[in-house]
Each structure stands twice: as structure tokens, then as C-alpha cells.
C-alpha atoms as a PDB file:
ATOM      1  CA  MET A   1       1.801  -2.104  27.034  1.00  0.00           C
ATOM      2  CA  LEU A   2       1.429  -5.730  25.695  1.00  0.00           C
ATOM      3  CA  LYS A   3       1.360  -4.834  22.222  1.00  0.00           C
ATOM      4  CA  ASP A   4       4.420  -2.509  22.697  1.00  0.00           C
ATOM      5  CA  PHE A   5       6.287  -5.312  24.345  1.00  0.00           C
ATOM      6  CA  LYS A   6       5.169  -7.972  21.576  1.00  0.00           C
ATOM      7  CA  GLU A   7       6.739  -5.301  19.123  1.00  0.00           C
ATOM      8  CA  PHE A   8       9.784  -4.734  20.727  1.00  0.00           C
ATOM      9  CA  ALA A   9      10.526  -8.594  21.466  1.00  0.00           C
ATOM     10  CA  LEU A  10       9.749  -9.345  17.843  1.00  0.00           C
ATOM     11  CA  LYS A  11      12.105  -6.926  16.516  1.00  0.00           C
ATOM     12  CA  GLY A  12      14.940  -8.084  14.326  1.00  0.00           C
ATOM     13  CA  ASN A  13      17.612  -6.670  16.452  1.00  0.00           C
ATOM     14  CA  VAL A  14      16.235  -8.259  19.661  1.00  0.00           C
ATOM     15  CA  LEU A  15      15.825 -11.746  18.018  1.00  0.00           C
ATOM     16  CA  ASP A  16      19.398 -11.444  16.564  1.00  0.00           C
ATOM     17  CA  LEU A  17      20.601 -10.482  19.859  1.00  0.00           C
ATOM     18  CA  ALA A  18      19.064 -13.524  21.579  1.00  0.00           C
ATOM     19  CA  ILE A  19      20.208 -15.683  18.863  1.00  0.00           C
ATOM     20  CA  ALA A  20      23.896 -14.567  19.204  1.00  0.00           C
ATOM     21  CA  VAL A  21      23.938 -15.151  22.930  1.00  0.00           C
ATOM     22  CA  VAL A  22      22.597 -18.653  22.614  1.00  0.00           C
ATOM     23  CA  ILE A  23      25.373 -19.386  19.831  1.00  0.00           C
ATOM     24  CA  GLY A  24      27.965 -17.526  21.636  1.00  0.00           C
ATOM     25  CA  ALA A  25      27.307 -19.585  24.773  1.00  0.00           C
ATOM     26  CA  ALA A  26      27.536 -22.860  22.680  1.00  0.00           C
ATOM     27  CA  PHE A  27      30.542 -21.565  20.768  1.00  0.00           C
ATOM     28  CA  GLY A  28      32.192 -20.658  24.342  1.00  0.00           C
ATOM     29  CA  LYS A  29      31.745 -24.295  25.213  1.00  0.00           C
ATOM     30  CA  ILE A  30      33.233 -25.815  22.208  1.00  0.00           C
ATOM     31  CA  VAL A  31      36.409 -23.538  22.633  1.00  0.00           C
ATOM     32  CA  THR A  32      36.654 -24.237  26.253  1.00  0.00           C
ATOM     33  CA  SER A  33      36.149 -27.927  25.857  1.00  0.00           C
ATOM     34  CA  LEU A  34      39.188 -27.563  23.013  1.00  0.00           C
ATOM     35  CA  VAL A  35      41.527 -25.767  25.393  1.00  0.00           C
ATOM     36  CA  GLU A  36      40.857 -27.963  28.279  1.00  0.00           C
ATOM     37  CA  ASN A  37      41.060 -31.160  26.420  1.00  0.00           C
ATOM     38  CA  ILE A  38      43.444 -30.654  23.619  1.00  0.00           C
ATOM     39  CA  ILE A  39      45.476 -27.621  23.737  1.00  0.00           C
ATOM     40  CA  MET A  40      46.269 -27.423  27.682  1.00  0.00           C
ATOM     41  CA  PRO A  41      47.542 -31.028  27.648  1.00  0.00           C
ATOM     42  CA  ILE A  42      49.800 -30.443  24.511  1.00  0.00           C
ATOM     43  CA  VAL A  43      51.038 -27.131  26.392  1.00  0.00           C
ATOM     44  CA  GLY A  44      51.551 -29.299  29.585  1.00  0.00           C
ATOM     45  CA  LEU A  45      53.610 -31.757  27.567  1.00  0.00           C
ATOM     46  CA  LEU A  46      55.804 -29.089  25.918  1.00  0.00           C
ATOM     47  CA  LEU A  47      56.371 -27.618  29.518  1.00  0.00           C
ATOM     48  CA  ASN A  48      57.342 -31.149  31.150  1.00  0.00           C
ATOM     49  CA  GLY A  49      53.863 -31.890  32.377  1.00  0.00           C
ATOM     50  CA  VAL A  50      53.067 -28.509  34.075  1.00  0.00           C
ATOM     51  CA  ASN A  51      49.286 -28.273  35.113  1.00  0.00           C
ATOM     52  CA  PHE A  52      48.501 -24.323  35.393  1.00  0.00           C
ATOM     53  CA  THR A  53      45.736 -24.906  37.516  1.00  0.00           C
ATOM     54  CA  ASN A  54      47.785 -26.159  40.364  1.00  0.00           C
ATOM     55  CA  LEU A  55      50.037 -23.707  40.413  1.00  0.00           C
ATOM     56  CA  SER A  56      50.042 -21.872  43.528  1.00  0.00           C
ATOM     57  CA  PHE A  57      51.935 -20.381  46.412  1.00  0.00           C
ATOM     58  CA  LYS A  58      51.342 -19.824  50.281  1.00  0.00           C
ATOM     59  CA  TYR A  59      51.882 -16.568  51.917  1.00  0.00           C
ATOM     60  CA  ASN A  60      51.135 -17.110  55.665  1.00  0.00           C
ATOM     61  CA  ASP A  61      47.414 -18.448  55.547  1.00  0.00           C
ATOM     62  CA  ALA A  62      46.480 -17.452  52.368  1.00  0.00           C
ATOM     63  CA  GLU A  63      47.087 -19.562  49.267  1.00  0.00           C
ATOM     64  CA  ILE A  64      47.359 -17.712  45.880  1.00  0.00           C
ATOM     65  CA  LEU A  65      46.069 -19.685  42.983  1.00  0.00           C
ATOM     66  CA  TYR A  66      48.000 -17.782  40.121  1.00  0.00           C
ATOM     67  CA  GLY A  67      47.874 -21.101  38.011  1.00  0.00           C
ATOM     68  CA  SER A  68      44.039 -20.677  37.577  1.00  0.00           C
ATOM     69  CA  PHE A  69      44.672 -17.223  36.454  1.00  0.00           C
ATOM     70  CA  ILE A  70      47.079 -18.149  33.853  1.00  0.00           C
ATOM     71  CA  GLN A  71      44.582 -20.742  32.845  1.00  0.00           C
ATOM     72  CA  THR A  72      41.771 -18.365  32.550  1.00  0.00           C
ATOM     73  CA  ILE A  73      43.914 -15.802  30.526  1.00  0.00           C
ATOM     74  CA  PHE A  74      44.999 -18.413  28.263  1.00  0.00           C
ATOM     75  CA  TYR A  75      41.254 -19.522  27.727  1.00  0.00           C
ATOM     76  CA  PHE A  76      40.500 -15.777  27.005  1.00  0.00           C
ATOM     77  CA  VAL A  77      43.084 -15.394  24.335  1.00  0.00           C
ATOM     78  CA  ILE A  78      42.018 -18.649  22.384  1.00  0.00           C
ATOM     79  CA  ILE A  79      38.308 -17.903  22.734  1.00  0.00           C
ATOM     80  CA  ALA A  80      39.128 -14.187  21.490  1.00  0.00           C
ATOM     81  CA  PHE A  81      41.022 -15.554  18.681  1.00  0.00           C
ATOM     82  CA  ALA A  82      38.392 -18.189  17.540  1.00  0.00           C
ATOM     83  CA  ILE A  83      35.657 -15.630  17.740  1.00  0.00           C
ATOM     84  CA  PHE A  84      38.101 -13.237  15.771  1.00  0.00           C
ATOM     85  CA  MET A  85      38.620 -15.844  13.141  1.00  0.00           C
ATOM     86  CA  PHE A  86      34.702 -16.760  13.082  1.00  0.00           C
ATOM     87  CA  VAL A  87      34.068 -13.060  12.507  1.00  0.00           C
ATOM     88  CA  ARG A  88      36.448 -12.668   9.772  1.00  0.00           C
ATOM     89  CA  LEU A  89      35.122 -15.554   8.049  1.00  0.00           C
ATOM     90  CA  LEU A  90      31.723 -14.453   8.146  1.00  0.00           C
ATOM     91  CA  SER A  91      32.704 -11.134   6.756  1.00  0.00           C
ATOM     92  CA  LYS A  92      34.442 -12.642   3.827  1.00  0.00           C
ATOM     93  CA  PHE A  93      31.037 -14.367   2.954  1.00  0.00           C
ATOM     94  CA  LYS A  94      29.204 -11.201   3.711  1.00  0.00           C
ATOM     95  CA  ARG A  95      31.579  -9.197   1.256  1.00  0.00           C
ATOM     96  CA  LYS A  96      31.199 -12.144  -1.487  1.00  0.00           C
ATOM     97  CA  GLU A  97      27.472 -11.695  -1.089  1.00  0.00           C
ATOM     98  CA  ASP A  98      27.633  -7.885  -1.468  1.00  0.00           C
ATOM     99  CA  ILE A  99      29.606  -8.245  -4.394  1.00  0.00           C
ATOM    100  CA  VAL A 100      27.147 -10.690  -6.040  1.00  0.00           C
ATOM    101  CA  ALA A 101      24.156  -8.502  -5.162  1.00  0.00           C
ATOM    102  CA  ILE A 102      25.895  -5.549  -6.719  1.00  0.00           C
ATOM    103  CA  THR A 103      26.379  -7.281 -10.095  1.00  0.00           C
ATOM    104  CA  GLU A 104      23.061  -8.850 -10.105  1.00  0.00           C
ATOM    105  CA  GLU A 105      21.098  -5.621  -9.513  1.00  0.00           C
ATOM    106  CA  ALA A 106      22.558  -3.727 -12.657  1.00  0.00           C
ATOM    107  CA  PRO A 107      19.332  -2.402 -14.215  1.00  0.00           C
ATOM    108  CA  PRO A 108      18.597  -3.225 -17.495  1.00  0.00           C
ATOM    109  CA  VAL A 109      19.365  -0.493 -20.103  1.00  0.00           C
ATOM    110  CA  ASP A 110      16.143   1.037 -21.548  1.00  0.00           C
ATOM    111  CA  SER A 111      15.969   1.015 -25.402  1.00  0.00           C
ATOM    112  CA  LYS A 112      15.238   4.789 -25.404  1.00  0.00           C
ATOM    113  CA  GLU A 113      18.268   5.558 -23.560  1.00  0.00           C
ATOM    114  CA  VAL A 114      20.187   3.617 -26.054  1.00  0.00           C
ATOM    115  CA  LEU A 115      18.799   5.543 -28.904  1.00  0.00           C
ATOM    116  CA  LEU A 116      19.485   8.968 -27.068  1.00  0.00           C
ATOM    117  CA  GLU A 117      23.252   7.826 -26.572  1.00  0.00           C
ATOM    118  CA  GLU A 118      23.426   6.920 -30.362  1.00  0.00           C
ATOM    119  CA  ILE A 119      22.009  10.511 -31.380  1.00  0.00           C
ATOM    120  CA  ARG A 120      24.284  11.927 -28.865  1.00  0.00           C
ATOM    121  CA  ASP A 121      27.402  10.372 -30.280  1.00  0.00           C
ATOM    122  CA  LEU A 122      26.149  11.181 -34.044  1.00  0.00           C
ATOM    123  CA  LEU A 123      25.720  14.807 -33.048  1.00  0.00           C
ATOM    124  CA  LYS A 124      29.214  14.771 -31.526  1.00  0.00           C
ATOM    125  CA  LYS A 125      30.577  13.446 -34.762  1.00  0.00           C
ATOM    126  CA  GLN A 126      29.017  16.132 -36.677  1.00  0.00           C
ATOM    127  CA  ASN A 127      29.928  18.957 -34.558  1.00  0.00           C
ATOM    128  CA  ASN A 128      33.736  17.600 -34.765  1.00  0.00           C
ATOM    129  CA  ALA A 129      33.951  17.139 -38.376  1.00  0.00           C
END
């Protein structure tokens, strides 16, 4: 059982997933910092100093914090866009690597094949003449 678990844990997919989770968490923190410290103050300036997190209204004894909800949606949109751009950038690099790999993997032409092609072409010439 321990051997099976070790094989499972050391498979490439599990390790890739673990790395993706760690990098994704760090990337999320970077984007959250970008939104909180740079983008939202600029949006607040454009909207005459409105801070979304403080927006709320009271209904009887309940306080509805719709500003926090707006802020969370804004974070989500920016994080999703940042991840989209990151994945798009990675896919461009991947395509370039695939093209390079395809061009580099062209098999060398065997001299026998070249001779056979020349014989074929000569026979075609003789038959057409």
C-alpha cells in the first residue's frame, strides 16, 4: 500500500498539480495586492473617492454590505483576466516550442531513398518519351 501511494504521489500529474496550486496561490496574492493597492485607489479617484468596501445599506437591523460584494467581483474579474493572459502567454511559448521541435525532428534522408527517387524519376522520363 505504501508503494502504491508513493507511485501515485510521485506521478507527474500529482506533482504538476501541487506546483500549480502553490504558484496559483502566490499569483493570486500578487493580483490581490495589485487590485487593492493600485487599481482600486485609481478607481476610487475616478469615482470621486468612492471606496466600494464601505458601501452598505441598513434594512431594519440587518446591514447589507454590497460594497464588499462589488469588490470581490472586481477582484475575480481582474484575477481571471490576469490568469487568462498568463495562460495565453504560456500557450504562445508552447506553440513556438512545438514548431521548433517539429522542424528539428525532420528525419535525415537515407541515401538509398534518394537513389530510388532518382531511378523512379528516370523511369518516368523514359515512359513519357
